[in-house]
N, C-alpha and C. Protein backbone atom coordinates (compact mmCIF):
# COMPACT_ATOMS: atom_id res chain seq x y z
N MET A 1 -81.68 51.82 47.52
CA MET A 1 -80.89 50.43 47.94
C MET A 1 -80.66 49.69 46.62
N HIS A 2 -79.69 48.48 46.52
CA HIS A 2 -79.61 47.93 45.33
C HIS A 2 -79.84 46.72 45.32
N SER A 3 -80.83 46.14 45.03
CA SER A 3 -81.36 44.70 45.26
C SER A 3 -80.52 43.48 44.86
N GLY A 4 -79.55 44.01 43.76
CA GLY A 4 -78.72 42.64 43.75
C GLY A 4 -79.49 42.04 42.25
N GLU A 5 -80.56 42.62 42.14
CA GLU A 5 -81.22 42.21 40.53
C GLU A 5 -80.54 43.28 39.50
N PRO A 6 -80.64 42.69 38.00
CA PRO A 6 -79.74 43.47 36.81
C PRO A 6 -81.16 44.86 36.83
N HIS A 7 -80.60 45.78 35.80
CA HIS A 7 -81.69 46.36 36.15
C HIS A 7 -82.21 46.15 34.61
N GLN A 8 -83.56 46.58 34.50
CA GLN A 8 -84.66 45.87 33.60
C GLN A 8 -84.26 46.51 32.47
N ASN A 9 -83.10 46.84 31.87
CA ASN A 9 -82.84 47.40 30.95
C ASN A 9 -81.27 47.00 30.50
N TYR A 10 -81.32 46.54 31.84
CA TYR A 10 -79.47 46.07 31.15
C TYR A 10 -79.32 44.66 29.91
N GLN A 11 -78.25 44.96 29.59
CA GLN A 11 -78.15 44.31 28.85
C GLN A 11 -76.51 43.52 28.14
N PRO A 12 -76.54 42.38 28.23
CA PRO A 12 -75.28 41.91 28.84
C PRO A 12 -74.10 42.92 27.34
N VAL A 13 -72.86 42.59 27.48
CA VAL A 13 -72.20 43.15 26.83
C VAL A 13 -71.03 42.19 26.41
N ARG A 14 -70.70 41.42 25.18
CA ARG A 14 -70.22 40.26 24.73
C ARG A 14 -68.65 41.28 24.42
N LEU A 15 -67.60 40.81 25.25
CA LEU A 15 -66.32 40.95 24.49
C LEU A 15 -65.34 40.55 24.11
N PRO A 16 -65.03 41.28 23.23
CA PRO A 16 -63.90 40.55 22.52
C PRO A 16 -62.95 39.67 23.23
N ALA A 17 -61.98 38.54 22.53
CA ALA A 17 -61.31 37.44 23.29
C ALA A 17 -60.27 38.36 23.19
N PRO A 18 -59.25 38.16 24.59
CA PRO A 18 -57.99 39.39 24.94
C PRO A 18 -57.01 38.56 23.80
N ASP A 19 -56.23 39.34 23.99
CA ASP A 19 -54.85 38.76 22.85
C ASP A 19 -53.92 38.40 23.70
N TYR A 20 -53.66 37.32 23.08
CA TYR A 20 -52.50 36.26 24.70
C TYR A 20 -51.16 36.86 23.94
N ARG A 21 -50.84 37.10 22.58
CA ARG A 21 -49.65 37.51 22.50
C ARG A 21 -49.04 38.79 22.66
N GLY A 22 -47.98 39.05 23.24
CA GLY A 22 -48.04 40.70 23.70
C GLY A 22 -46.26 41.21 22.80
N ASP A 23 -45.54 42.08 22.88
CA ASP A 23 -44.82 41.97 22.04
C ASP A 23 -43.38 42.82 23.48
N VAL A 24 -43.87 42.46 24.34
CA VAL A 24 -42.86 42.83 25.35
C VAL A 24 -42.78 41.84 26.62
N SER A 25 -41.71 41.13 27.08
CA SER A 25 -42.01 40.41 27.79
C SER A 25 -42.12 41.20 29.46
N VAL A 26 -42.27 40.31 30.52
CA VAL A 26 -42.31 40.62 31.59
C VAL A 26 -41.47 41.35 32.03
N GLU A 27 -40.45 40.74 31.61
CA GLU A 27 -38.62 41.56 32.28
C GLU A 27 -38.84 42.95 32.00
N ALA A 28 -39.56 43.38 30.90
CA ALA A 28 -39.23 44.32 30.19
C ALA A 28 -40.68 45.74 30.53
N ALA A 29 -41.18 44.86 30.38
CA ALA A 29 -42.47 45.53 31.07
C ALA A 29 -42.54 46.15 32.60
N ILE A 30 -41.68 45.38 33.11
CA ILE A 30 -41.62 45.57 35.05
C ILE A 30 -40.47 46.60 34.78
N HIS A 31 -38.98 46.55 33.79
CA HIS A 31 -38.06 47.33 34.01
C HIS A 31 -38.54 48.74 33.42
N GLY A 32 -39.88 48.65 32.74
CA GLY A 32 -40.45 50.31 32.05
C GLY A 32 -41.27 50.56 32.68
N ARG A 33 -42.08 49.93 34.08
CA ARG A 33 -42.80 50.48 34.65
C ARG A 33 -42.88 52.02 34.92
N ARG A 34 -43.02 53.22 34.83
CA ARG A 34 -43.62 54.26 35.44
C ARG A 34 -44.82 54.83 35.55
N SER A 35 -45.14 55.52 36.71
CA SER A 35 -46.51 55.48 37.08
C SER A 35 -46.68 57.30 36.13
N ILE A 36 -47.69 57.51 35.27
CA ILE A 36 -47.70 58.59 34.40
C ILE A 36 -49.08 59.36 34.83
N ARG A 37 -49.19 60.68 35.02
CA ARG A 37 -50.16 61.08 35.29
C ARG A 37 -50.84 62.22 35.05
N ASP A 38 -50.83 61.63 33.45
CA ASP A 38 -50.81 62.90 31.91
C ASP A 38 -52.20 62.04 31.49
N PHE A 39 -53.15 62.07 31.51
CA PHE A 39 -54.63 61.32 30.76
C PHE A 39 -54.78 62.19 29.82
N ARG A 40 -55.53 61.37 28.70
CA ARG A 40 -55.74 62.27 27.55
C ARG A 40 -57.48 61.60 27.75
N ASN A 41 -58.57 62.50 27.37
CA ASN A 41 -59.84 62.68 27.33
C ASN A 41 -60.27 61.80 25.98
N ILE A 42 -60.17 60.65 25.94
CA ILE A 42 -60.11 59.46 24.71
C ILE A 42 -60.58 58.03 25.38
N PRO A 43 -61.98 57.84 24.78
CA PRO A 43 -62.19 56.70 25.58
C PRO A 43 -61.66 55.77 25.15
N LEU A 44 -61.68 54.39 25.95
CA LEU A 44 -60.96 53.08 25.61
C LEU A 44 -62.01 52.51 24.47
N SER A 45 -61.19 51.58 23.77
CA SER A 45 -62.20 50.61 23.18
C SER A 45 -62.93 49.50 23.94
N LEU A 46 -63.41 48.74 23.38
CA LEU A 46 -64.04 47.30 23.79
C LEU A 46 -63.16 46.55 23.95
N GLN A 47 -62.14 46.43 22.76
CA GLN A 47 -61.44 45.73 22.81
C GLN A 47 -59.74 45.92 24.28
N GLN A 48 -59.39 47.42 24.05
CA GLN A 48 -58.63 47.97 25.42
C GLN A 48 -59.44 47.32 26.68
N ILE A 49 -60.86 47.48 26.70
CA ILE A 49 -61.53 47.11 28.44
C ILE A 49 -61.44 45.92 28.04
N SER A 50 -61.51 44.78 27.18
CA SER A 50 -61.88 43.68 27.23
C SER A 50 -60.13 43.15 27.91
N GLN A 51 -59.27 43.50 27.19
CA GLN A 51 -57.85 43.08 27.71
C GLN A 51 -57.85 43.37 29.14
N LEU A 52 -57.84 44.72 29.54
CA LEU A 52 -57.87 45.42 30.93
C LEU A 52 -58.49 43.82 31.61
N LEU A 53 -59.75 43.78 31.80
CA LEU A 53 -60.68 43.19 32.55
C LEU A 53 -59.61 41.26 32.32
N TRP A 54 -59.33 41.12 31.63
CA TRP A 54 -58.72 39.75 31.29
C TRP A 54 -57.77 39.99 32.13
N ALA A 55 -56.90 40.81 32.24
CA ALA A 55 -55.23 40.84 32.74
C ALA A 55 -55.20 41.00 34.06
N ALA A 56 -56.54 41.46 34.55
CA ALA A 56 -57.31 41.31 35.85
C ALA A 56 -57.25 40.86 36.97
N GLN A 57 -58.22 39.88 36.20
CA GLN A 57 -59.04 38.81 36.92
C GLN A 57 -59.90 37.74 35.56
N GLY A 58 -59.10 37.60 34.28
CA GLY A 58 -59.65 36.68 33.25
C GLY A 58 -59.45 35.58 33.41
N ILE A 59 -59.80 34.45 32.85
CA ILE A 59 -59.72 33.05 32.98
C ILE A 59 -58.83 32.98 32.30
N THR A 60 -57.61 31.88 32.96
CA THR A 60 -56.88 31.37 31.93
C THR A 60 -56.51 30.14 31.35
N GLU A 61 -57.69 28.96 32.50
CA GLU A 61 -57.75 27.78 32.20
C GLU A 61 -59.01 27.85 32.23
N PRO A 62 -59.67 27.26 31.25
CA PRO A 62 -61.22 27.64 31.32
C PRO A 62 -61.58 26.04 31.91
N GLN A 63 -61.09 24.98 31.79
CA GLN A 63 -61.77 23.50 32.21
C GLN A 63 -61.21 23.82 33.82
N GLU A 64 -60.01 24.22 34.40
CA GLU A 64 -60.30 24.33 35.42
C GLU A 64 -60.72 25.51 36.50
N GLY A 65 -60.71 26.76 35.79
CA GLY A 65 -61.48 27.80 35.69
C GLY A 65 -60.44 28.63 36.78
N LEU A 66 -58.97 28.99 36.03
CA LEU A 66 -57.73 29.19 36.51
C LEU A 66 -58.23 30.46 36.64
N ARG A 67 -57.45 31.83 37.12
CA ARG A 67 -57.47 32.54 36.52
C ARG A 67 -56.07 33.45 36.62
N ALA A 68 -56.03 34.73 36.13
CA ALA A 68 -55.36 35.45 35.77
C ALA A 68 -54.53 36.30 37.02
N ALA A 69 -55.35 36.23 38.01
CA ALA A 69 -55.37 37.29 39.48
C ALA A 69 -55.18 35.75 40.62
N PRO A 70 -53.88 35.49 41.22
CA PRO A 70 -53.67 34.66 42.48
C PRO A 70 -54.65 34.43 43.50
N SER A 71 -55.48 33.49 43.55
CA SER A 71 -56.65 33.92 44.70
C SER A 71 -55.93 33.66 45.99
N ALA A 72 -55.17 33.69 46.86
CA ALA A 72 -54.11 33.82 47.84
C ALA A 72 -54.70 35.33 48.31
């Protein structure tokens, strides 16, 4: 059973700050989006993991606690 407490050897990971500047507009990203099922056996970097986590649920406005994902 999971008690909700962190594991005794738990060490927090400090993620790099996300990059807020992209080279592709939202419109171009939507237009070019395709699902590709060809995966490589290459681990993601900590920066890539940080960017993915920020895009999925990251804080976009610290004072108000606003997030990248809608709340509704």
